[in-house]
Amino acid sequence: MLLGFAATDFVVTRTLSAADAAEHLVHNPSPWVQERLASLSKADQSITDWFPEPLAGRIIQYWNRQVVVTLGLSILSFAFWAFFRKGFTKAVVRLSIIVAMLYMALNLFVLIAD
């Protein structure tokens, strides 16, 4: 029972984290980010083409930009999980160093820009 609780907690925490990150992306004031997210509005409208009419009508009321971004971030995090599951090889360590350096450079840019 404890293992089931821990697995459920992991899934819920991961889902909430992806949804929170999507909320930040959707409300980001950067024009570059908003242009990229504007292309998702096409995905918002094309959902009716993917599903039959009764199902599409029910899905479209919940299908918005934040849901699309959340699903994209969830798929991306699953891809990282599959990548890291193979073990910490030199490629994983290099990727981690690159991501950390980009994060620190972005922090430096934000500090200097203010």
PDB file of N, CA and C in Angstrom:
ATOM      1  N   MET A   1       0.825  -1.172   0.000  1.00  0.00           N
ATOM      2  CA  MET A   1       0.000   0.000   0.000  1.00  0.00           C
ATOM      3  C   MET A   1       0.884   1.256   0.000  1.00  0.00           C
ATOM      4  N   LEU A   2       1.959   1.205   0.735  1.00  0.00           N
ATOM      5  CA  LEU A   2       2.857   2.354   0.789  1.00  0.00           C
ATOM      6  C   LEU A   2       3.500   2.613  -0.578  1.00  0.00           C
ATOM      7  N   LEU A   3       3.857   1.560  -1.281  1.00  0.00           N
ATOM      8  CA  LEU A   3       4.431   1.709  -2.615  1.00  0.00           C
ATOM      9  C   LEU A   3       3.420   2.328  -3.583  1.00  0.00           C
ATOM     10  N   GLY A   4       2.163   1.930  -3.492  1.00  0.00           N
ATOM     11  CA  GLY A   4       1.112   2.520  -4.322  1.00  0.00           C
ATOM     12  C   GLY A   4       0.921   3.991  -4.017  1.00  0.00           C
ATOM     13  N   PHE A   5       0.974   4.355  -2.737  1.00  0.00           N
ATOM     14  CA  PHE A   5       0.861   5.754  -2.349  1.00  0.00           C
ATOM     15  C   PHE A   5       2.036   6.569  -2.893  1.00  0.00           C
ATOM     16  N   ALA A   6       3.236   6.031  -2.813  1.00  0.00           N
ATOM     17  CA  ALA A   6       4.416   6.741  -3.304  1.00  0.00           C
ATOM     18  C   ALA A   6       4.348   6.917  -4.819  1.00  0.00           C
ATOM     19  N   ALA A   7       3.898   5.892  -5.534  1.00  0.00           N
ATOM     20  CA  ALA A   7       3.782   6.001  -6.996  1.00  0.00           C
ATOM     21  C   ALA A   7       2.725   7.026  -7.378  1.00  0.00           C
ATOM     22  N   THR A   8       1.604   7.035  -6.697  1.00  0.00           N
ATOM     23  CA  THR A   8       0.552   8.015  -6.972  1.00  0.00           C
ATOM     24  C   THR A   8       1.039   9.422  -6.672  1.00  0.00           C
ATOM     25  N   ASP A   9       1.750   9.581  -5.579  1.00  0.00           N
ATOM     26  CA  ASP A   9       2.295  10.887  -5.221  1.00  0.00           C
ATOM     27  C   ASP A   9       3.272  11.376  -6.292  1.00  0.00           C
ATOM     28  N   PHE A  10       4.090  10.487  -6.806  1.00  0.00           N
ATOM     29  CA  PHE A  10       5.050  10.849  -7.848  1.00  0.00           C
ATOM     30  C   PHE A  10       4.332  11.320  -9.111  1.00  0.00           C
ATOM     31  N   VAL A  11       3.314  10.587  -9.530  1.00  0.00           N
ATOM     32  CA  VAL A  11       2.580  10.938 -10.752  1.00  0.00           C
ATOM     33  C   VAL A  11       1.846  12.265 -10.578  1.00  0.00           C
ATOM     34  N   VAL A  12       1.197  12.461  -9.449  1.00  0.00           N
ATOM     35  CA  VAL A  12       0.459  13.701  -9.212  1.00  0.00           C
ATOM     36  C   VAL A  12       1.413  14.880  -9.137  1.00  0.00           C
ATOM     37  N   THR A  13       2.522  14.726  -8.438  1.00  0.00           N
ATOM     38  CA  THR A  13       3.497  15.808  -8.332  1.00  0.00           C
ATOM     39  C   THR A  13       4.074  16.159  -9.695  1.00  0.00           C
ATOM     40  N   ARG A  14       4.376  15.169 -10.489  1.00  0.00           N
ATOM     41  CA  ARG A  14       4.926  15.408 -11.828  1.00  0.00           C
ATOM     42  C   ARG A  14       3.906  16.112 -12.714  1.00  0.00           C
ATOM     43  N   THR A  15       2.652  15.707 -12.634  1.00  0.00           N
ATOM     44  CA  THR A  15       1.603  16.330 -13.433  1.00  0.00           C
ATOM     45  C   THR A  15       1.376  17.771 -13.013  1.00  0.00           C
ATOM     46  N   LEU A  16       1.328  18.021 -11.715  1.00  0.00           N
ATOM     47  CA  LEU A  16       1.135  19.394 -11.235  1.00  0.00           C
ATOM     48  C   LEU A  16       2.317  20.280 -11.599  1.00  0.00           C
ATOM     49  N   SER A  17       3.512  19.741 -11.566  1.00  0.00           N
ATOM     50  CA  SER A  17       4.685  20.522 -11.954  1.00  0.00           C
ATOM     51  C   SER A  17       4.637  20.893 -13.430  1.00  0.00           C
ATOM     52  N   ALA A  18       4.232  19.958 -14.276  1.00  0.00           N
ATOM     53  CA  ALA A  18       4.112  20.251 -15.708  1.00  0.00           C
ATOM     54  C   ALA A  18       3.019  21.280 -15.956  1.00  0.00           C
ATOM     55  N   ALA A  19       1.909  21.179 -15.245  1.00  0.00           N
ATOM     56  CA  ALA A  19       0.819  22.145 -15.409  1.00  0.00           C
ATOM     57  C   ALA A  19       1.238  23.531 -14.938  1.00  0.00           C
ATOM     58  N   ASP A  20       2.001  23.603 -13.852  1.00  0.00           N
ATOM     59  CA  ASP A  20       2.478  24.892 -13.361  1.00  0.00           C
ATOM     60  C   ASP A  20       3.474  25.511 -14.334  1.00  0.00           C
ATOM     61  N   ALA A  21       4.359  24.711 -14.884  1.00  0.00           N
ATOM     62  CA  ALA A  21       5.315  25.219 -15.876  1.00  0.00           C
ATOM     63  C   ALA A  21       4.582  25.702 -17.123  1.00  0.00           C
ATOM     64  N   ALA A  22       3.536  24.991 -17.523  1.00  0.00           N
ATOM     65  CA  ALA A  22       2.749  25.413 -18.685  1.00  0.00           C
ATOM     66  C   ALA A  22       2.048  26.735 -18.409  1.00  0.00           C
ATOM     67  N   GLU A  23       1.560  26.915 -17.207  1.00  0.00           N
ATOM     68  CA  GLU A  23       0.913  28.187 -16.839  1.00  0.00           C
ATOM     69  C   GLU A  23       1.896  29.344 -16.958  1.00  0.00           C
ATOM     70  N   HIS A  24       3.117  29.133 -16.528  1.00  0.00           N
ATOM     71  CA  HIS A  24       4.138  30.184 -16.647  1.00  0.00           C
ATOM     72  C   HIS A  24       4.472  30.467 -18.106  1.00  0.00           C
ATOM     73  N   LEU A  25       4.547  29.444 -18.929  1.00  0.00           N
ATOM     74  CA  LEU A  25       4.843  29.645 -20.344  1.00  0.00           C
ATOM     75  C   LEU A  25       3.713  30.374 -21.063  1.00  0.00           C
ATOM     76  N   VAL A  26       2.473  30.003 -20.757  1.00  0.00           N
ATOM     77  CA  VAL A  26       1.326  30.619 -21.425  1.00  0.00           C
ATOM     78  C   VAL A  26       1.218  32.098 -21.079  1.00  0.00           C
ATOM     79  N   HIS A  27       1.558  32.462 -19.862  1.00  0.00           N
ATOM     80  CA  HIS A  27       1.453  33.864 -19.433  1.00  0.00           C
ATOM     81  C   HIS A  27       2.774  34.621 -19.500  1.00  0.00           C
ATOM     82  N   ASN A  28       3.755  34.072 -20.176  1.00  0.00           N
ATOM     83  CA  ASN A  28       5.041  34.741 -20.351  1.00  0.00           C
ATOM     84  C   ASN A  28       4.860  35.939 -21.282  1.00  0.00           C
ATOM     85  N   PRO A  29       5.299  37.128 -20.886  1.00  0.00           N
ATOM     86  CA  PRO A  29       5.076  38.309 -21.729  1.00  0.00           C
ATOM     87  C   PRO A  29       6.026  38.422 -22.923  1.00  0.00           C
ATOM     88  N   SER A  30       6.977  37.537 -23.044  1.00  0.00           N
ATOM     89  CA  SER A  30       7.944  37.614 -24.136  1.00  0.00           C
ATOM     90  C   SER A  30       7.259  37.406 -25.487  1.00  0.00           C
ATOM     91  N   PRO A  31       7.494  38.314 -26.443  1.00  0.00           N
ATOM     92  CA  PRO A  31       6.877  38.144 -27.767  1.00  0.00           C
ATOM     93  C   PRO A  31       7.343  36.868 -28.469  1.00  0.00           C
ATOM     94  N   TRP A  32       8.601  36.478 -28.265  1.00  0.00           N
ATOM     95  CA  TRP A  32       9.114  35.276 -28.904  1.00  0.00           C
ATOM     96  C   TRP A  32       8.346  34.050 -28.428  1.00  0.00           C
ATOM     97  N   VAL A  33       8.116  33.962 -27.124  1.00  0.00           N
ATOM     98  CA  VAL A  33       7.384  32.820 -26.572  1.00  0.00           C
ATOM     99  C   VAL A  33       5.943  32.844 -27.058  1.00  0.00           C
ATOM    100  N   GLN A  34       5.331  34.024 -27.072  1.00  0.00           N
ATOM    101  CA  GLN A  34       3.937  34.119 -27.490  1.00  0.00           C
ATOM    102  C   GLN A  34       3.755  33.769 -28.970  1.00  0.00           C
ATOM    103  N   GLU A  35       4.740  34.111 -29.803  1.00  0.00           N
ATOM    104  CA  GLU A  35       4.660  33.725 -31.219  1.00  0.00           C
ATOM    105  C   GLU A  35       4.703  32.211 -31.368  1.00  0.00           C
ATOM    106  N   ARG A  36       5.564  31.574 -30.589  1.00  0.00           N
ATOM    107  CA  ARG A  36       5.670  30.114 -30.667  1.00  0.00           C
ATOM    108  C   ARG A  36       4.391  29.454 -30.159  1.00  0.00           C
ATOM    109  N   LEU A  37       3.819  30.029 -29.118  1.00  0.00           N
ATOM    110  CA  LEU A  37       2.592  29.454 -28.577  1.00  0.00           C
ATOM    111  C   LEU A  37       1.387  29.749 -29.459  1.00  0.00           C
ATOM    112  N   ALA A  38       1.469  30.797 -30.276  1.00  0.00           N
ATOM    113  CA  ALA A  38       0.360  31.110 -31.182  1.00  0.00           C
ATOM    114  C   ALA A  38       0.150  29.995 -32.193  1.00  0.00           C
ATOM    115  N   SER A  39       1.214  29.297 -32.526  1.00  0.00           N
ATOM    116  CA  SER A  39       1.065  28.178 -33.460  1.00  0.00           C
ATOM    117  C   SER A  39       0.240  27.053 -32.838  1.00  0.00           C
ATOM    118  N   LEU A  40       0.152  27.032 -31.508  1.00  0.00           N
ATOM    119  CA  LEU A  40      -0.658  26.012 -30.850  1.00  0.00           C
ATOM    120  C   LEU A  40      -2.152  26.274 -31.022  1.00  0.00           C
ATOM    121  N   SER A  41      -2.525  27.504 -31.350  1.00  0.00           N
ATOM    122  CA  SER A  41      -3.943  27.780 -31.551  1.00  0.00           C
ATOM    123  C   SER A  41      -4.475  26.994 -32.743  1.00  0.00           C
ATOM    124  N   LYS A  42      -3.597  26.693 -33.691  1.00  0.00           N
ATOM    125  CA  LYS A  42      -3.994  25.832 -34.805  1.00  0.00           C
ATOM    126  C   LYS A  42      -4.314  24.436 -34.292  1.00  0.00           C
ATOM    127  N   ALA A  43      -3.541  23.981 -33.326  1.00  0.00           N
ATOM    128  CA  ALA A  43      -3.821  22.668 -32.729  1.00  0.00           C
ATOM    129  C   ALA A  43      -5.125  22.721 -31.931  1.00  0.00           C
ATOM    130  N   ASP A  44      -5.441  23.882 -31.349  1.00  0.00           N
ATOM    131  CA  ASP A  44      -6.695  24.021 -30.613  1.00  0.00           C
ATOM    132  C   ASP A  44      -7.887  23.802 -31.530  1.00  0.00           C
ATOM    133  N   GLN A  45      -7.817  24.340 -32.743  1.00  0.00           N
ATOM    134  CA  GLN A  45      -8.939  24.246 -33.673  1.00  0.00           C
ATOM    135  C   GLN A  45      -8.994  22.903 -34.394  1.00  0.00           C
ATOM    136  N   SER A  46      -7.848  22.256 -34.576  1.00  0.00           N
ATOM    137  CA  SER A  46      -7.834  21.013 -35.347  1.00  0.00           C
ATOM    138  C   SER A  46      -8.244  19.800 -34.527  1.00  0.00           C
ATOM    139  N   ILE A  47      -8.514  19.986 -33.250  1.00  0.00           N
ATOM    140  CA  ILE A  47      -8.926  18.843 -32.422  1.00  0.00           C
ATOM    141  C   ILE A  47     -10.235  18.253 -32.933  1.00  0.00           C
ATOM    142  N   THR A  48     -11.070  19.079 -33.554  1.00  0.00           N
ATOM    143  CA  THR A  48     -12.341  18.571 -34.074  1.00  0.00           C
ATOM    144  C   THR A  48     -12.121  17.634 -35.256  1.00  0.00           C
ATOM    145  N   ASP A  49     -10.987  17.768 -35.942  1.00  0.00           N
ATOM    146  CA  ASP A  49     -10.688  16.880 -37.062  1.00  0.00           C
ATOM    147  C   ASP A  49     -10.184  15.512 -36.599  1.00  0.00           C
ATOM    148  N   TRP A  50      -9.641  15.439 -35.410  1.00  0.00           N
ATOM    149  CA  TRP A  50      -9.025  14.210 -34.916  1.00  0.00           C
ATOM    150  C   TRP A  50     -10.034  13.215 -34.354  1.00  0.00           C
ATOM    151  N   PHE A  51     -11.125  13.726 -33.799  1.00  0.00           N
ATOM    152  CA  PHE A  51     -12.084  12.879 -33.101  1.00  0.00           C
ATOM    153  C   PHE A  51     -13.452  12.964 -33.754  1.00  0.00           C
ATOM    154  N   PRO A  52     -14.292  11.929 -33.596  1.00  0.00           N
ATOM    155  CA  PRO A  52     -15.661  12.019 -34.111  1.00  0.00           C
ATOM    156  C   PRO A  52     -16.448  13.111 -33.376  1.00  0.00           C
ATOM    157  N   GLU A  53     -17.501  13.571 -33.977  1.00  0.00           N
ATOM    158  CA  GLU A  53     -18.227  14.748 -33.494  1.00  0.00           C
ATOM    159  C   GLU A  53     -18.689  14.681 -32.032  1.00  0.00           C
ATOM    160  N   PRO A  54     -19.332  13.633 -31.550  1.00  0.00           N
ATOM    161  CA  PRO A  54     -19.764  13.702 -30.144  1.00  0.00           C
ATOM    162  C   PRO A  54     -18.581  13.819 -29.173  1.00  0.00           C
ATOM    163  N   LEU A  55     -17.507  13.111 -29.468  1.00  0.00           N
ATOM    164  CA  LEU A  55     -16.340  13.148 -28.594  1.00  0.00           C
ATOM    165  C   LEU A  55     -15.585  14.466 -28.725  1.00  0.00           C
ATOM    166  N   ALA A  56     -15.482  14.986 -29.945  1.00  0.00           N
ATOM    167  CA  ALA A  56     -14.783  16.251 -30.162  1.00  0.00           C
ATOM    168  C   ALA A  56     -15.481  17.396 -29.447  1.00  0.00           C
ATOM    169  N   GLY A  57     -16.804  17.371 -29.406  1.00  0.00           N
ATOM    170  CA  GLY A  57     -17.553  18.416 -28.702  1.00  0.00           C
ATOM    171  C   GLY A  57     -17.265  18.430 -27.212  1.00  0.00           C
ATOM    172  N   ARG A  58     -17.058  17.254 -26.643  1.00  0.00           N
ATOM    173  CA  ARG A  58     -16.763  17.178 -25.208  1.00  0.00           C
ATOM    174  C   ARG A  58     -15.317  17.566 -24.919  1.00  0.00           C
ATOM    175  N   ILE A  59     -14.425  17.194 -25.824  1.00  0.00           N
ATOM    176  CA  ILE A  59     -13.004  17.473 -25.601  1.00  0.00           C
ATOM    177  C   ILE A  59     -12.692  18.948 -25.816  1.00  0.00           C
ATOM    178  N   ILE A  60     -13.324  19.583 -26.807  1.00  0.00           N
ATOM    179  CA  ILE A  60     -12.965  20.952 -27.178  1.00  0.00           C
ATOM    180  C   ILE A  60     -13.194  21.940 -26.041  1.00  0.00           C
ATOM    181  N   GLN A  61     -14.132  21.658 -25.151  1.00  0.00           N
ATOM    182  CA  GLN A  61     -14.367  22.583 -24.044  1.00  0.00           C
ATOM    183  C   GLN A  61     -13.214  22.597 -23.037  1.00  0.00           C
ATOM    184  N   TYR A  62     -12.431  21.539 -23.013  1.00  0.00           N
ATOM    185  CA  TYR A  62     -11.282  21.488 -22.113  1.00  0.00           C
ATOM    186  C   TYR A  62      -9.958  21.709 -22.844  1.00  0.00           C
ATOM    187  N   TRP A  63      -9.971  21.650 -24.163  1.00  0.00           N
ATOM    188  CA  TRP A  63      -8.746  21.710 -24.965  1.00  0.00           C
ATOM    189  C   TRP A  63      -8.371  23.158 -25.203  1.00  0.00           C
ATOM    190  N   ASN A  64      -7.315  23.614 -24.559  1.00  0.00           N
ATOM    191  CA  ASN A  64      -6.846  24.982 -24.759  1.00  0.00           C
ATOM    192  C   ASN A  64      -5.319  24.985 -24.820  1.00  0.00           C
ATOM    193  N   ARG A  65      -4.760  26.162 -24.926  1.00  0.00           N
ATOM    194  CA  ARG A  65      -3.310  26.301 -25.085  1.00  0.00           C
ATOM    195  C   ARG A  65      -2.555  25.705 -23.904  1.00  0.00           C
ATOM    196  N   GLN A  66      -3.068  25.897 -22.690  1.00  0.00           N
ATOM    197  CA  GLN A  66      -2.358  25.387 -21.523  1.00  0.00           C
ATOM    198  C   GLN A  66      -2.340  23.859 -21.496  1.00  0.00           C
ATOM    199  N   VAL A  67      -3.425  23.234 -21.918  1.00  0.00           N
ATOM    200  CA  VAL A  67      -3.465  21.777 -21.948  1.00  0.00           C
ATOM    201  C   VAL A  67      -2.457  21.240 -22.967  1.00  0.00           C
ATOM    202  N   VAL A  68      -2.382  21.902 -24.120  1.00  0.00           N
ATOM    203  CA  VAL A  68      -1.438  21.465 -25.157  1.00  0.00           C
ATOM    204  C   VAL A  68       0.002  21.606 -24.649  1.00  0.00           C
ATOM    205  N   VAL A  69       0.316  22.732 -24.001  1.00  0.00           N
ATOM    206  CA  VAL A  69       1.663  22.947 -23.473  1.00  0.00           C
ATOM    207  C   VAL A  69       1.961  21.945 -22.358  1.00  0.00           C
ATOM    208  N   THR A  70       0.984  21.676 -21.494  1.00  0.00           N
ATOM    209  CA  THR A  70       1.179  20.704 -20.417  1.00  0.00           C
ATOM    210  C   THR A  70       1.468  19.318 -20.974  1.00  0.00           C
ATOM    211  N   LEU A  71       0.715  18.913 -21.992  1.00  0.00           N
ATOM    212  CA  LEU A  71       0.959  17.612 -22.603  1.00  0.00           C
ATOM    213  C   LEU A  71       2.340  17.564 -23.262  1.00  0.00           C
ATOM    214  N   GLY A  72       2.724  18.655 -23.917  1.00  0.00           N
ATOM    215  CA  GLY A  72       4.053  18.708 -24.536  1.00  0.00           C
ATOM    216  C   GLY A  72       5.161  18.601 -23.500  1.00  0.00           C
ATOM    217  N   LEU A  73       5.014  19.318 -22.391  1.00  0.00           N
ATOM    218  CA  LEU A  73       6.021  19.241 -21.334  1.00  0.00           C
ATOM    219  C   LEU A  73       6.055  17.854 -20.691  1.00  0.00           C
ATOM    220  N   SER A  74       4.906  17.219 -20.569  1.00  0.00           N
ATOM    221  CA  SER A  74       4.864  15.866 -20.013  1.00  0.00           C
ATOM    222  C   SER A  74       5.568  14.876 -20.929  1.00  0.00           C
ATOM    223  N   ILE A  75       5.350  15.012 -22.230  1.00  0.00           N
ATOM    224  CA  ILE A  75       6.027  14.132 -23.188  1.00  0.00           C
ATOM    225  C   ILE A  75       7.525  14.380 -23.156  1.00  0.00           C
ATOM    226  N   LEU A  76       7.923  15.643 -23.069  1.00  0.00           N
ATOM    227  CA  LEU A  76       9.341  15.979 -22.992  1.00  0.00           C
ATOM    228  C   LEU A  76       9.981  15.401 -21.723  1.00  0.00           C
ATOM    229  N   SER A  77       9.285  15.503 -20.591  1.00  0.00           N
ATOM    230  CA  SER A  77       9.843  14.954 -19.350  1.00  0.00           C
ATOM    231  C   SER A  77       9.926  13.430 -19.410  1.00  0.00           C
ATOM    232  N   PHE A  78       8.963  12.794 -20.080  1.00  0.00           N
ATOM    233  CA  PHE A  78       9.038  11.339 -20.249  1.00  0.00           C
ATOM    234  C   PHE A  78      10.236  10.954 -21.120  1.00  0.00           C
ATOM    235  N   ALA A  79      10.515  11.778 -22.137  1.00  0.00           N
ATOM    236  CA  ALA A  79      11.679  11.509 -22.993  1.00  0.00           C
ATOM    237  C   ALA A  79      12.970  11.630 -22.187  1.00  0.00           C
ATOM    238  N   PHE A  80      13.048  12.640 -21.304  1.00  0.00           N
ATOM    239  CA  PHE A  80      14.230  12.772 -20.450  1.00  0.00           C
ATOM    240  C   PHE A  80      14.345  11.587 -19.503  1.00  0.00           C
ATOM    241  N   TRP A  81      13.209  11.124 -18.980  1.00  0.00           N
ATOM    242  CA  TRP A  81      13.243   9.967 -18.095  1.00  0.00           C
ATOM    243  C   TRP A  81      13.789   8.757 -18.838  1.00  0.00           C
ATOM    244  N   ALA A  82      13.327   8.532 -20.066  1.00  0.00           N
ATOM    245  CA  ALA A  82      13.810   7.396 -20.847  1.00  0.00           C
ATOM    246  C   ALA A  82      15.302   7.534 -21.143  1.00  0.00           C
ATOM    247  N   PHE A  83      15.743   8.771 -21.365  1.00  0.00           N
ATOM    248  CA  PHE A  83      17.153   9.036 -21.631  1.00  0.00           C
ATOM    249  C   PHE A  83      17.999   8.748 -20.394  1.00  0.00           C
ATOM    250  N   PHE A  84      17.536   9.204 -19.222  1.00  0.00           N
ATOM    251  CA  PHE A  84      18.296   9.005 -17.985  1.00  0.00           C
ATOM    252  C   PHE A  84      18.193   7.585 -17.461  1.00  0.00           C
ATOM    253  N   ARG A  85      17.192   6.845 -17.880  1.00  0.00           N
ATOM    254  CA  ARG A  85      17.017   5.476 -17.406  1.00  0.00           C
ATOM    255  C   ARG A  85      18.147   4.564 -17.871  1.00  0.00           C
ATOM    256  N   LYS A  86      18.759   4.942 -18.979  1.00  0.00           N
ATOM    257  CA  LYS A  86      19.865   4.139 -19.503  1.00  0.00           C
ATOM    258  C   LYS A  86      21.105   4.225 -18.624  1.00  0.00           C
ATOM    259  N   GLY A  87      21.144   5.209 -17.740  1.00  0.00           N
ATOM    260  CA  GLY A  87      22.286   5.358 -16.852  1.00  0.00           C
ATOM    261  C   GLY A  87      23.021   6.648 -17.129  1.00  0.00           C
ATOM    262  N   PHE A  88      23.892   6.996 -16.242  1.00  0.00           N
ATOM    263  CA  PHE A  88      24.654   8.228 -16.365  1.00  0.00           C
ATOM    264  C   PHE A  88      25.912   7.970 -17.182  1.00  0.00           C
ATOM    265  N   THR A  89      25.763   8.104 -18.462  1.00  0.00           N
ATOM    266  CA  THR A  89      26.897   7.958 -19.361  1.00  0.00           C
ATOM    267  C   THR A  89      27.551   9.321 -19.543  1.00  0.00           C
ATOM    268  N   LYS A  90      28.595   9.372 -20.318  1.00  0.00           N
ATOM    269  CA  LYS A  90      29.262  10.644 -20.577  1.00  0.00           C
ATOM    270  C   LYS A  90      28.330  11.621 -21.280  1.00  0.00           C
ATOM    271  N   ALA A  91      27.459  11.111 -22.140  1.00  0.00           N
ATOM    272  CA  ALA A  91      26.518  11.981 -22.848  1.00  0.00           C
ATOM    273  C   ALA A  91      25.537  12.631 -21.874  1.00  0.00           C
ATOM    274  N   VAL A  92      25.084  11.886 -20.881  1.00  0.00           N
ATOM    275  CA  VAL A  92      24.153  12.432 -19.891  1.00  0.00           C
ATOM    276  C   VAL A  92      24.848  13.502 -19.057  1.00  0.00           C
ATOM    277  N   VAL A  93      26.066  13.258 -18.663  1.00  0.00           N
ATOM    278  CA  VAL A  93      26.809  14.237 -17.874  1.00  0.00           C
ATOM    279  C   VAL A  93      27.057  15.506 -18.698  1.00  0.00           C
ATOM    280  N   ARG A  94      27.413  15.344 -19.959  1.00  0.00           N
ATOM    281  CA  ARG A  94      27.612  16.512 -20.824  1.00  0.00           C
ATOM    282  C   ARG A  94      26.325  17.305 -20.989  1.00  0.00           C
ATOM    283  N   LEU A  95      25.211  16.609 -21.200  1.00  0.00           N
ATOM    284  CA  LEU A  95      23.924  17.285 -21.323  1.00  0.00           C
ATOM    285  C   LEU A  95      23.581  18.042 -20.043  1.00  0.00           C
ATOM    286  N   SER A  96      23.843  17.436 -18.902  1.00  0.00           N
ATOM    287  CA  SER A  96      23.574  18.095 -17.621  1.00  0.00           C
ATOM    288  C   SER A  96      24.418  19.347 -17.455  1.00  0.00           C
ATOM    289  N   ILE A  97      25.659  19.292 -17.856  1.00  0.00           N
ATOM    290  CA  ILE A  97      26.543  20.462 -17.765  1.00  0.00           C
ATOM    291  C   ILE A  97      26.054  21.567 -18.680  1.00  0.00           C
ATOM    292  N   ILE A  98      25.643  21.214 -19.894  1.00  0.00           N
ATOM    293  CA  ILE A  98      25.151  22.223 -20.841  1.00  0.00           C
ATOM    294  C   ILE A  98      23.877  22.884 -20.312  1.00  0.00           C
ATOM    295  N   VAL A  99      22.954  22.080 -19.797  1.00  0.00           N
ATOM    296  CA  VAL A  99      21.704  22.631 -19.262  1.00  0.00           C
ATOM    297  C   VAL A  99      21.986  23.533 -18.065  1.00  0.00           C
ATOM    298  N   ALA A 100      22.879  23.125 -17.181  1.00  0.00           N
ATOM    299  CA  ALA A 100      23.214  23.950 -16.020  1.00  0.00           C
ATOM    300  C   ALA A 100      23.879  25.254 -16.444  1.00  0.00           C
ATOM    301  N   MET A 101      24.745  25.204 -17.440  1.00  0.00           N
ATOM    302  CA  MET A 101      25.399  26.433 -17.907  1.00  0.00           C
ATOM    303  C   MET A 101      24.391  27.369 -18.570  1.00  0.00           C
ATOM    304  N   LEU A 102      23.477  26.825 -19.343  1.00  0.00           N
ATOM    305  CA  LEU A 102      22.438  27.657 -19.952  1.00  0.00           C
ATOM    306  C   LEU A 102      21.553  28.302 -18.885  1.00  0.00           C
ATOM    307  N   TYR A 103      21.225  27.536 -17.856  1.00  0.00           N
ATOM    308  CA  TYR A 103      20.412  28.066 -16.763  1.00  0.00           C
ATOM    309  C   TYR A 103      21.136  29.204 -16.039  1.00  0.00           C
ATOM    310  N   MET A 104      22.413  29.025 -15.775  1.00  0.00           N
ATOM    311  CA  MET A 104      23.176  30.085 -15.107  1.00  0.00           C
ATOM    312  C   MET A 104      23.329  31.308 -16.009  1.00  0.00           C
ATOM    313  N   ALA A 105      23.502  31.096 -17.309  1.00  0.00           N
ATOM    314  CA  ALA A 105      23.598  32.225 -18.238  1.00  0.00           C
ATOM    315  C   ALA A 105      22.276  32.980 -18.304  1.00  0.00           C
ATOM    316  N   LEU A 106      21.174  32.264 -18.281  1.00  0.00           N
ATOM    317  CA  LEU A 106      19.874  32.918 -18.282  1.00  0.00           C
ATOM    318  C   LEU A 106      19.670  33.724 -17.001  1.00  0.00           C
ATOM    319  N   ASN A 107      20.075  33.175 -15.873  1.00  0.00           N
ATOM    320  CA  ASN A 107      19.991  33.921 -14.605  1.00  0.00           C
ATOM    321  C   ASN A 107      20.851  35.181 -14.662  1.00  0.00           C
ATOM    322  N   LEU A 108      22.039  35.079 -15.200  1.00  0.00           N
ATOM    323  CA  LEU A 108      22.921  36.236 -15.333  1.00  0.00           C
ATOM    324  C   LEU A 108      22.276  37.290 -16.236  1.00  0.00           C
ATOM    325  N   PHE A 109      21.681  36.852 -17.337  1.00  0.00           N
ATOM    326  CA  PHE A 109      21.005  37.782 -18.254  1.00  0.00           C
ATOM    327  C   PHE A 109      19.863  38.500 -17.556  1.00  0.00           C
ATOM    328  N   VAL A 110      19.077  37.772 -16.771  1.00  0.00           N
ATOM    329  CA  VAL A 110      17.953  38.392 -16.061  1.00  0.00           C
ATOM    330  C   VAL A 110      18.459  39.386 -15.018  1.00  0.00           C
ATOM    331  N   LEU A 111      19.525  39.051 -14.324  1.00  0.00           N
ATOM    332  CA  LEU A 111      20.070  39.969 -13.332  1.00  0.00           C
ATOM    333  C   LEU A 111      20.634  41.230 -13.961  1.00  0.00           C
ATOM    334  N   ILE A 112      21.291  41.095 -15.095  1.00  0.00           N
ATOM    335  CA  ILE A 112      21.869  42.253 -15.765  1.00  0.00           C
ATOM    336  C   ILE A 112      20.780  43.099 -16.406  1.00  0.00           C
ATOM    337  N   ALA A 113      19.742  42.480 -16.932  1.00  0.00           N
ATOM    338  CA  ALA A 113      18.665  43.205 -17.621  1.00  0.00           C
ATOM    339  C   ALA A 113      17.848  44.064 -16.655  1.00  0.00           C
ATOM    340  N   ASP A 114      17.769  43.675 -15.400  1.00  0.00           N
ATOM    341  CA  ASP A 114      17.002  44.471 -14.429  1.00  0.00           C
ATOM    342  C   ASP A 114      17.785  45.640 -14.033  1.00  0.00           C
TER     343      ASP A 114
END
